[in-house]
């Protein structure tokens, strides 16, 4: 059946809760093939993932028009959580309703979940084997360059005036030297953006998303610009979805607390990553500093070097970068298994961390999709997002320096004076190979067309060889 023969969308006045979605005529094999292709090729971070999705869903299959794709992407950029996974959820919902959204969003996560689970088991069980430890050593060194490049990329998008630079610098000082919690930094930046956007929108309205003004939808697309509504934005619908999502999100946590006790490591994992799930404005890198700080220093689930290795796993596997939470969720219970075996405890913790991280991502889409045009047009929301993103630049810079210190130097001392944290690396403990790999990875990112996946994987091979050959 051609796109033109598909059931038309209802107009706004005709919309009801039982709307027949336009993708109902898509065959099961085509549906699986499309989203399977997107999931299997979701390497390279959100930019690469979104490009794959655009090529498969917009260009090749003509299921979604350019304007609808860009409108959806703009909305996902405003949300906490992994924008590429949320975009897959939104497009699936746009075509086949809630079941389509759940399918596309869940399949997008699945390859990365399976890959990182296998790598976590390998890391936990065989991390002391020389070639395995060498591989993760090389990956960790390359991650320094990857995160530094993220600072450059995000900063170039939003640091366009002195005010935004000042916000970014203040965020860096606050988290690196004063140990201010990431949620507080996000909240302060959001308030500054809301207030500043009213007084000087020319300064604060920086992040505007992707420009859709020149996008043209052809007549052969299944869902083009003429399809303007897919559901009533009613209070009843909103309350129904919110209550269902809250039960799915909090229900397992409450059950865990009931059966294993509120002081269990599983409950700690669930509560911690539930809070992290609502703080990922600006992409996964923004919340990694918060996750690293809490999981290493507060909970003691990982060592600093292990956190860096976890990020390396997420960089080299398909799926959202925020899937690094699975590594943390695995290692915490693995080291405090209680009555279970370490492997059983680790797998359980990884599942819990993944569940509470991604359930909110689905919830934001199903709640807000009918309001997309209304939300996109609010200048106050844009100014708040712009300022939060500027603060994120400082937070990610903190992450890059933190990773570099604990990867390049064997010994790093911490000193606190008058409420200020200072790191003092022992210069004689500098690892020359780690420095060489980090510099090489940085040059490869800047000067070549190699993907992040290949660069990080190559660094892992170099690290493994360095252990085998010495």
Protein backbone atom coordinates (compact mmCIF):
# COMPACT_ATOMS: atom_id res chain seq x y z
CA UNK A 1 0.00 0.00 0.00
CA UNK A 2 1.49 3.35 -1.00
CA UNK A 3 1.75 6.23 1.48
CA UNK A 4 -1.03 8.14 -0.29
CA UNK A 5 -3.39 5.22 0.25
CA UNK A 6 -2.76 5.09 3.99
CA UNK A 7 -5.59 6.21 6.30
CA UNK A 8 -5.51 9.98 6.69
CA UNK A 9 -5.06 11.61 10.05
CA UNK A 10 -8.03 13.31 11.59
CA UNK A 11 -8.15 17.08 11.75
CA UNK A 12 -7.99 18.74 15.15
CA UNK A 13 -11.75 18.93 15.48
CA UNK A 14 -12.14 15.26 14.62
CA UNK A 15 -9.54 13.90 17.01
CA UNK A 16 -10.66 11.43 19.64
CA UNK A 17 -8.87 9.13 22.00
CA UNK A 18 -9.40 6.24 19.56
CA UNK A 19 -7.63 7.92 16.63
CA UNK A 20 -6.48 5.49 13.99
CA UNK A 21 -2.79 6.15 13.55
CA UNK A 22 -1.47 6.48 9.99
CA UNK A 23 1.14 3.74 10.23
CA UNK A 24 -1.35 0.96 10.91
CA UNK A 25 -1.01 -0.14 7.29
CA UNK A 26 2.75 -0.67 7.55
CA UNK A 27 3.54 -4.38 7.40
CA UNK A 28 5.10 -6.07 10.40
CA UNK A 29 8.19 -7.06 8.42
CA UNK A 30 8.77 -3.48 7.20
CA UNK A 31 8.25 -2.15 10.72
CA UNK A 32 10.75 -4.59 12.23
CA UNK A 33 13.22 -4.01 9.40
CA UNK A 34 13.14 -0.22 9.75
CA UNK A 35 13.55 0.03 13.50
CA UNK A 36 15.92 -2.93 13.62
CA UNK A 37 18.17 -1.09 11.16
CA UNK A 38 18.04 2.05 13.29
CA UNK A 39 18.81 0.13 16.49
CA UNK A 40 21.67 -1.91 15.02
CA UNK A 41 23.38 1.20 13.63
CA UNK A 42 22.88 3.51 16.60
CA UNK A 43 26.59 4.17 17.16
CA UNK A 44 28.41 7.49 17.39
CA UNK A 45 26.31 9.39 19.91
CA UNK A 46 23.05 11.28 19.32
CA UNK A 47 24.20 13.07 16.16
CA UNK A 48 25.01 9.81 14.39
CA UNK A 49 21.91 8.08 15.77
CA UNK A 50 19.61 10.86 14.60
CA UNK A 51 21.26 10.81 11.17
CA UNK A 52 20.62 7.06 10.83
CA UNK A 53 17.01 7.53 11.90
CA UNK A 54 16.50 10.37 9.43
CA UNK A 55 17.97 8.33 6.58
CA UNK A 56 15.84 5.26 7.32
CA UNK A 57 12.49 6.80 8.34
CA UNK A 58 12.43 10.07 6.38
CA UNK A 59 14.60 9.61 3.29
CA UNK A 60 14.38 5.92 2.49
CA UNK A 61 10.90 4.91 3.63
CA UNK A 62 9.13 8.29 3.45
CA UNK A 63 7.09 7.52 6.54
CA UNK A 64 7.73 10.90 8.16
CA UNK A 65 8.13 14.26 6.41
CA UNK A 66 11.03 16.65 7.03
CA UNK A 67 8.96 19.17 8.98
CA UNK A 68 7.37 16.58 11.25
CA UNK A 69 10.77 15.00 11.88
CA UNK A 70 12.34 18.33 12.78
CA UNK A 71 9.38 19.37 14.93
CA UNK A 72 9.70 16.13 16.86
CA UNK A 73 13.46 16.56 17.22
CA UNK A 74 13.07 20.12 18.53
CA UNK A 75 10.69 18.86 21.20
CA UNK A 76 13.00 16.03 22.24
CA UNK A 77 15.86 18.51 22.61
CA UNK A 78 13.87 20.35 25.27
CA UNK A 79 13.46 17.25 27.42
CA UNK A 80 15.68 15.59 30.00
CA UNK A 81 16.88 12.24 28.74
CA UNK A 82 18.53 10.81 25.61
CA UNK A 83 17.11 12.78 22.69
CA UNK A 84 17.77 10.13 20.04
CA UNK A 85 15.94 7.42 21.98
CA UNK A 86 13.09 9.83 22.69
CA UNK A 87 12.94 10.77 19.02
CA UNK A 88 12.59 7.08 18.10
CA UNK A 89 9.78 6.80 20.67
CA UNK A 90 8.05 9.90 19.32
CA UNK A 91 8.23 8.78 15.68
CA UNK A 92 6.98 5.32 16.61
CA UNK A 93 4.05 6.92 18.46
CA UNK A 94 3.39 9.24 15.54
CA UNK A 95 3.03 6.28 13.22
CA UNK A 96 1.42 3.55 15.33
CA UNK A 97 0.38 5.10 18.60
CA UNK A 98 1.60 4.09 22.08
CA UNK A 99 2.45 0.54 21.03
CA UNK A 100 4.54 1.89 18.16
CA UNK A 101 6.32 4.30 20.47
CA UNK A 102 7.09 1.59 23.00
CA UNK A 103 8.35 -0.72 20.28
CA UNK A 104 10.63 1.81 18.57
CA UNK A 105 11.99 3.23 21.82
CA UNK A 106 12.60 -0.15 23.46
CA UNK A 107 14.24 -1.68 20.38
CA UNK A 108 16.54 1.33 20.20
CA UNK A 109 17.82 0.48 23.70
CA UNK A 110 18.03 -3.30 23.34
CA UNK A 111 21.34 -3.79 21.41
CA UNK A 112 23.22 -1.49 23.79
CA UNK A 113 21.66 -3.15 26.83
CA UNK A 114 22.76 -6.62 25.71
CA UNK A 115 26.24 -5.42 24.67
CA UNK A 116 26.95 -3.52 27.88
CA UNK A 117 25.62 -6.38 30.01
CA UNK A 118 28.14 -8.70 28.35
CA UNK A 119 30.96 -6.17 28.75
CA UNK A 120 30.04 -5.55 32.40
CA UNK A 121 30.25 -9.26 33.15
CA UNK A 122 33.59 -9.44 31.32
CA UNK A 123 34.89 -6.41 33.21
CA UNK A 124 33.74 -7.65 36.62
CA UNK A 125 34.84 -11.25 36.19
CA UNK A 126 38.05 -10.81 34.19
CA UNK A 127 39.07 -7.21 34.80
CA UNK A 128 42.26 -8.34 36.48
CA UNK A 129 43.37 -10.31 33.40
CA UNK A 130 46.17 -8.33 31.79
CA UNK A 131 44.78 -7.94 28.26
CA UNK A 132 41.29 -7.10 29.54
CA UNK A 133 42.59 -4.46 31.96
CA UNK A 134 44.82 -3.14 29.17
CA UNK A 135 41.86 -2.87 26.82
CA UNK A 136 39.85 -0.82 29.31
CA UNK A 137 42.93 1.26 30.08
CA UNK A 138 43.24 2.23 26.40
CA UNK A 139 39.51 2.94 26.14
CA UNK A 140 39.63 5.16 29.23
CA UNK A 141 42.49 7.22 27.81
CA UNK A 142 40.61 7.79 24.54
CA UNK A 143 37.47 8.82 26.43
CA UNK A 144 39.35 11.90 27.70
CA UNK A 145 39.52 13.17 24.11
CA UNK A 146 35.90 12.21 23.44
CA UNK A 147 34.60 14.20 26.41
CA UNK A 148 36.88 17.16 25.59
CA UNK A 149 35.39 17.18 22.10
CA UNK A 150 31.92 17.21 23.65
CA UNK A 151 32.88 20.41 25.51
CA UNK A 152 33.90 21.96 22.20
CA UNK A 153 30.76 20.78 20.39
CA UNK A 154 28.24 21.86 23.03
CA UNK A 155 30.10 25.10 23.73
CA UNK A 156 30.09 26.06 20.07
CA UNK A 157 26.33 25.69 20.06
CA UNK A 158 25.55 27.97 22.99
CA UNK A 159 28.55 30.07 24.14
CA UNK A 160 27.82 33.02 21.86
CA UNK A 161 28.12 35.97 24.25
CA UNK A 162 29.75 37.00 27.53
CA UNK A 163 26.72 36.15 29.64
CA UNK A 164 26.63 32.56 28.43
CA UNK A 165 30.39 32.28 28.96
CA UNK A 166 29.97 33.57 32.53
CA UNK A 167 27.22 31.02 33.22
CA UNK A 168 29.44 28.24 31.91
CA UNK A 169 32.45 29.40 33.95
CA UNK A 170 30.35 29.71 37.11
CA UNK A 171 28.97 26.20 36.62
CA UNK A 172 32.50 24.83 36.25
CA UNK A 173 33.72 26.57 39.40
CA UNK A 174 30.64 25.47 41.30
CA UNK A 175 30.94 21.77 40.52
CA UNK A 176 34.73 21.36 40.28
CA UNK A 177 35.94 23.48 43.19
CA UNK A 178 32.86 23.96 45.41
CA UNK A 179 31.30 20.50 44.87
CA UNK A 180 27.84 21.97 44.30
CA UNK A 181 25.35 19.26 43.33
CA UNK A 182 24.43 19.07 39.66
CA UNK A 183 20.65 19.43 40.29
CA UNK A 184 21.28 22.76 42.06
CA UNK A 185 23.36 24.03 39.13
CA UNK A 186 20.62 23.08 36.66
CA UNK A 187 17.96 24.75 38.80
CA UNK A 188 19.94 27.99 39.17
CA UNK A 189 20.72 28.09 35.45
CA UNK A 190 17.06 27.54 34.59
CA UNK A 191 15.92 30.39 36.84
CA UNK A 192 18.58 32.72 35.39
CA UNK A 193 17.39 31.80 31.90
CA UNK A 194 13.73 32.40 32.68
CA UNK A 195 14.40 35.79 34.28
CA UNK A 196 17.04 36.85 31.77
CA UNK A 197 14.94 35.78 28.82
CA UNK A 198 12.25 38.26 29.78
CA UNK A 199 14.69 41.16 30.05
CA UNK A 200 17.11 40.35 27.22
CA UNK A 201 15.79 37.64 24.89
CA UNK A 202 18.51 38.58 22.38
CA UNK A 203 21.12 37.33 24.85
CA UNK A 204 19.37 34.33 26.40
CA UNK A 205 17.39 32.81 23.49
CA UNK A 206 20.34 30.98 21.96
CA UNK A 207 19.31 27.33 21.60
CA UNK A 208 16.55 27.19 19.01
CA UNK A 209 16.86 23.59 17.90
CA UNK A 210 17.02 22.58 14.27
CA UNK A 211 15.71 25.01 11.72
CA UNK A 212 12.61 23.68 10.00
CA UNK A 213 11.69 26.87 8.15
CA UNK A 214 13.06 25.60 4.84
CA UNK A 215 12.00 21.97 5.19
CA UNK A 216 9.43 20.88 2.62
CA UNK A 217 7.33 17.75 2.91
CA UNK A 218 6.45 16.06 -0.36
CA UNK A 219 3.06 14.62 -1.20
CA UNK A 220 4.36 11.06 -1.01
CA UNK A 221 5.12 10.99 2.70
CA UNK A 222 2.94 9.07 5.09
CA UNK A 223 2.93 11.73 7.82
CA UNK A 224 3.59 15.18 6.40
CA UNK A 225 3.10 18.69 7.67
CA UNK A 226 -0.63 18.59 6.95
CA UNK A 227 -1.12 15.99 9.70
CA UNK A 228 -1.27 18.36 12.64
CA UNK A 229 -2.81 16.40 15.49
CA UNK A 230 -2.87 12.85 16.77
CA UNK A 231 -4.62 13.10 20.07
CA UNK A 232 -6.59 15.43 22.29
CA UNK A 233 -4.39 17.26 24.82
CA UNK A 234 -7.03 16.83 27.51
CA UNK A 235 -6.53 16.78 31.27
CA UNK A 236 -8.11 13.32 31.43
CA UNK A 237 -5.61 11.90 28.96
CA UNK A 238 -2.72 13.68 30.67
CA UNK A 239 -3.72 12.35 34.11
CA UNK A 240 -4.19 8.82 32.80
CA UNK A 241 -0.74 8.69 31.20
CA UNK A 242 0.93 10.39 34.16
CA UNK A 243 -0.56 7.98 36.68
CA UNK A 244 0.29 4.93 34.55
CA UNK A 245 3.85 6.16 34.03
CA UNK A 246 4.30 6.93 37.73
CA UNK A 247 3.19 3.41 38.66
CA UNK A 248 5.58 1.85 36.13
CA UNK A 249 8.39 4.11 37.30
CA UNK A 250 7.96 3.99 41.08
CA UNK A 251 6.15 0.66 41.45
CA UNK A 252 9.21 -1.59 41.06
CA UNK A 253 11.17 0.62 43.46
CA UNK A 254 8.50 0.29 46.13
CA UNK A 255 8.32 -3.47 45.58
CA UNK A 256 12.08 -3.71 45.96
CA UNK A 257 11.94 -1.74 49.19
CA UNK A 258 9.18 -4.02 50.49
CA UNK A 259 10.93 -7.30 49.69
CA UNK A 260 14.61 -6.48 50.28
CA UNK A 261 14.42 -3.51 52.63
CA UNK A 262 14.76 0.22 52.14
CA UNK A 263 18.49 0.18 52.84
CA UNK A 264 19.23 -2.33 50.07
CA UNK A 265 21.75 -1.44 47.37
CA UNK A 266 19.03 -2.11 44.77
CA UNK A 267 16.82 0.57 46.29
CA UNK A 268 19.79 2.95 46.34
CA UNK A 269 20.40 2.22 42.65
CA UNK A 270 16.72 2.77 41.83
CA UNK A 271 16.43 6.04 43.73
CA UNK A 272 19.73 7.42 42.47
CA UNK A 273 19.10 6.78 38.78
CA UNK A 274 15.49 7.92 39.05
CA UNK A 275 16.80 11.32 40.12
CA UNK A 276 19.47 11.27 37.41
CA UNK A 277 16.83 10.52 34.77
CA UNK A 278 15.20 13.92 35.20
CA UNK A 279 18.49 15.84 35.11
CA UNK A 280 19.93 14.90 31.71
CA UNK A 281 19.29 18.28 30.05
CA UNK A 282 21.92 18.88 27.41
CA UNK A 283 22.67 15.22 26.74
CA UNK A 284 24.27 12.37 28.59
CA UNK A 285 27.60 14.12 29.15
CA UNK A 286 25.89 16.71 31.31
CA UNK A 287 24.72 14.20 33.90
CA UNK A 288 27.84 12.01 33.82
CA UNK A 289 29.59 14.35 36.24
CA UNK A 290 26.71 13.92 38.68
CA UNK A 291 26.68 10.14 38.22
CA UNK A 292 30.46 9.94 38.57
CA UNK A 293 30.54 12.10 41.68
CA UNK A 294 27.80 10.20 43.48
CA UNK A 295 28.61 6.63 42.41
CA UNK A 296 32.32 7.02 43.18
CA UNK A 297 32.51 9.34 46.19
CA UNK A 298 29.11 8.97 47.88
CA UNK A 299 28.12 5.35 47.28
CA UNK A 300 31.55 3.84 46.57
CA UNK A 301 30.21 1.55 43.87
CA UNK A 302 33.15 2.15 41.52
CA UNK A 303 36.67 3.50 41.44
CA UNK A 304 37.28 6.61 39.28
CA UNK A 305 39.06 4.56 36.61
CA UNK A 306 36.18 2.09 36.47
CA UNK A 307 33.70 4.88 35.82
CA UNK A 308 35.81 5.99 32.87
CA UNK A 309 35.91 2.42 31.55
CA UNK A 310 32.12 2.30 31.83
CA UNK A 311 31.82 5.37 29.66
CA UNK A 312 34.15 3.70 27.19
CA UNK A 313 31.77 0.72 27.01
CA UNK A 314 28.87 3.04 26.24
CA UNK A 315 30.92 4.82 23.56
CA UNK A 316 31.73 1.58 21.74
CA UNK A 317 28.30 -0.07 21.78
CA UNK A 318 25.06 0.83 20.01
CA UNK A 319 22.37 2.78 21.82
CA UNK A 320 22.22 5.92 24.00
CA UNK A 321 25.38 7.05 25.76
CA UNK A 322 23.41 7.33 28.99
CA UNK A 323 23.37 3.51 28.95
CA UNK A 324 26.54 3.87 31.04
CA UNK A 325 24.16 3.80 34.01
CA UNK A 326 23.91 0.07 33.42
CA UNK A 327 27.60 -0.37 34.26
CA UNK A 328 27.21 1.51 37.55
CA UNK A 329 24.02 -0.38 38.34
CA UNK A 330 25.87 -3.65 37.73
CA UNK A 331 29.01 -2.94 39.75
CA UNK A 332 27.30 -1.63 42.91
CA UNK A 333 25.24 -4.78 43.65
CA UNK A 334 28.04 -7.00 42.27
CA UNK A 335 30.23 -5.84 45.13
CA UNK A 336 27.44 -6.06 47.73
CA UNK A 337 25.43 -9.09 46.54
CA UNK A 338 23.82 -10.05 49.82
CA UNK A 339 22.26 -13.52 49.57
CA UNK A 340 22.67 -13.66 45.77
CA UNK A 341 25.75 -14.55 43.78
CA UNK A 342 27.73 -11.51 42.59
CA UNK A 343 26.72 -12.17 38.98
CA UNK A 344 23.01 -12.45 39.82
CA UNK A 345 23.19 -9.29 41.92
CA UNK A 346 25.01 -7.38 39.18
CA UNK A 347 22.54 -8.37 36.47
CA UNK A 348 19.63 -7.42 38.73
CA UNK A 349 21.16 -4.05 39.51
CA UNK A 350 21.80 -3.35 35.83
CA UNK A 351 18.17 -4.11 34.98
CA UNK A 352 16.93 -1.83 37.77
CA UNK A 353 19.20 1.04 36.67
CA UNK A 354 18.10 0.70 33.04
CA UNK A 355 14.41 0.53 33.96
CA UNK A 356 14.28 3.66 36.12
CA UNK A 357 16.44 5.58 33.62
CA UNK A 358 14.36 4.94 30.51
CA UNK A 359 10.78 4.73 31.80
CA UNK A 360 10.76 8.55 32.26
CA UNK A 361 11.95 8.98 28.65
CA UNK A 362 8.86 7.20 27.38
CA UNK A 363 6.68 9.11 29.83
CA UNK A 364 7.83 12.56 28.65
CA UNK A 365 6.99 11.67 25.04
CA UNK A 366 3.56 10.20 25.68
CA UNK A 367 2.67 13.11 27.96
CA UNK A 368 3.93 15.96 25.83
CA UNK A 369 3.65 14.96 22.17
CA UNK A 370 0.16 16.49 21.69
CA UNK A 371 1.49 19.79 23.06
CA UNK A 372 4.58 19.91 20.84
CA UNK A 373 3.66 23.01 18.82
CA UNK A 374 2.54 24.87 21.91
CA UNK A 375 5.75 24.10 23.80
CA UNK A 376 8.07 24.88 20.89
CA UNK A 377 6.71 28.39 20.58
CA UNK A 378 7.47 29.55 24.11
CA UNK A 379 10.44 31.96 24.26
CA UNK A 380 10.77 31.48 28.03
CA UNK A 381 11.36 27.77 27.54
CA UNK A 382 14.04 28.48 24.93
CA UNK A 383 15.88 30.93 27.17
CA UNK A 384 15.83 28.48 30.09
CA UNK A 385 17.16 25.70 27.86
CA UNK A 386 19.87 27.97 26.47
CA UNK A 387 21.13 28.89 29.94
CA UNK A 388 20.99 25.31 31.20
CA UNK A 389 23.00 24.22 28.15
CA UNK A 390 25.59 26.92 28.86
CA UNK A 391 25.91 25.59 32.40
CA UNK A 392 26.25 22.10 30.96
CA UNK A 393 29.39 23.21 29.08
CA UNK A 394 31.06 23.99 32.41
CA UNK A 395 29.84 20.72 33.91
CA UNK A 396 31.20 18.67 30.99
CA UNK A 397 34.52 20.54 31.19
CA UNK A 398 34.68 19.46 34.83
CA UNK A 399 34.05 15.89 33.70
CA UNK A 400 36.85 16.04 31.10
CA UNK A 401 39.38 17.33 33.65
CA UNK A 402 38.24 14.80 36.27
CA UNK A 403 38.63 11.94 33.79
CA UNK A 404 42.04 13.22 32.68
CA UNK A 405 43.39 13.48 36.22
CA UNK A 406 42.40 9.96 37.26
CA UNK A 407 43.39 8.34 33.95
CA UNK A 408 46.73 10.03 33.25
CA UNK A 409 48.06 9.97 36.82
CA UNK A 410 48.41 6.98 39.11
CA UNK A 411 48.26 9.18 42.22
CA UNK A 412 45.88 12.12 42.72
CA UNK A 413 45.54 13.74 46.14
CA UNK A 414 42.48 15.68 47.27
CA UNK A 415 42.79 18.73 49.53
CA UNK A 416 39.96 20.79 50.97
CA UNK A 417 40.57 24.31 52.22
CA UNK A 418 37.88 26.77 53.26
CA UNK A 419 35.24 24.67 51.53
CA UNK A 420 37.16 24.48 48.25
CA UNK A 421 38.24 21.14 46.76
CA UNK A 422 41.66 21.02 45.08
CA UNK A 423 43.12 18.09 43.18
CA UNK A 424 46.90 17.61 43.27
CA UNK A 425 48.25 14.98 40.85
CA UNK A 426 51.65 13.46 41.56
CA UNK A 427 53.55 14.47 38.42
CA UNK A 428 55.96 11.54 38.70
CA UNK A 429 52.98 9.16 38.44
CA UNK A 430 52.06 10.34 34.92
CA UNK A 431 51.43 7.40 32.59
CA UNK A 432 53.11 8.24 29.24
CA UNK A 433 51.12 5.65 27.27
CA UNK A 434 47.81 7.03 28.57
CA UNK A 435 48.88 10.53 27.58
CA UNK A 436 49.94 9.31 24.13
CA UNK A 437 46.64 7.52 23.53
CA UNK A 438 44.60 10.53 24.72
CA UNK A 439 46.51 12.96 22.49
CA UNK A 440 46.32 10.56 19.55
CA UNK A 441 42.58 10.11 20.00
CA UNK A 442 42.12 13.88 20.17
CA UNK A 443 44.05 14.40 16.93
CA UNK A 444 42.06 11.62 15.26
CA UNK A 445 38.77 13.24 16.28
CA UNK A 446 39.84 16.67 15.02
CA UNK A 447 41.82 15.74 11.91
CA UNK A 448 40.25 12.57 10.51
CA UNK A 449 36.84 11.25 9.51
CA UNK A 450 37.11 8.21 11.78
CA UNK A 451 34.03 7.58 13.89
CA UNK A 452 34.19 7.78 17.66
CA UNK A 453 33.50 4.05 17.78
CA UNK A 454 36.58 3.23 15.70
CA UNK A 455 38.82 5.62 17.59
CA UNK A 456 37.84 4.27 20.99
CA UNK A 457 37.99 0.66 19.78
CA UNK A 458 41.47 1.22 18.34
CA UNK A 459 42.58 2.70 21.65
CA UNK A 460 41.30 -0.43 23.38
CA UNK A 461 43.35 -2.63 21.04
CA UNK A 462 46.48 -0.54 21.71
CA UNK A 463 45.92 -0.83 25.45
CA UNK A 464 45.45 -4.61 25.27
CA UNK A 465 48.58 -5.05 23.12
CA UNK A 466 50.59 -2.93 25.54
CA UNK A 467 49.84 -5.45 28.30
CA UNK A 468 50.34 -8.55 26.21
CA UNK A 469 53.67 -7.41 24.74
CA UNK A 470 55.24 -6.21 28.00
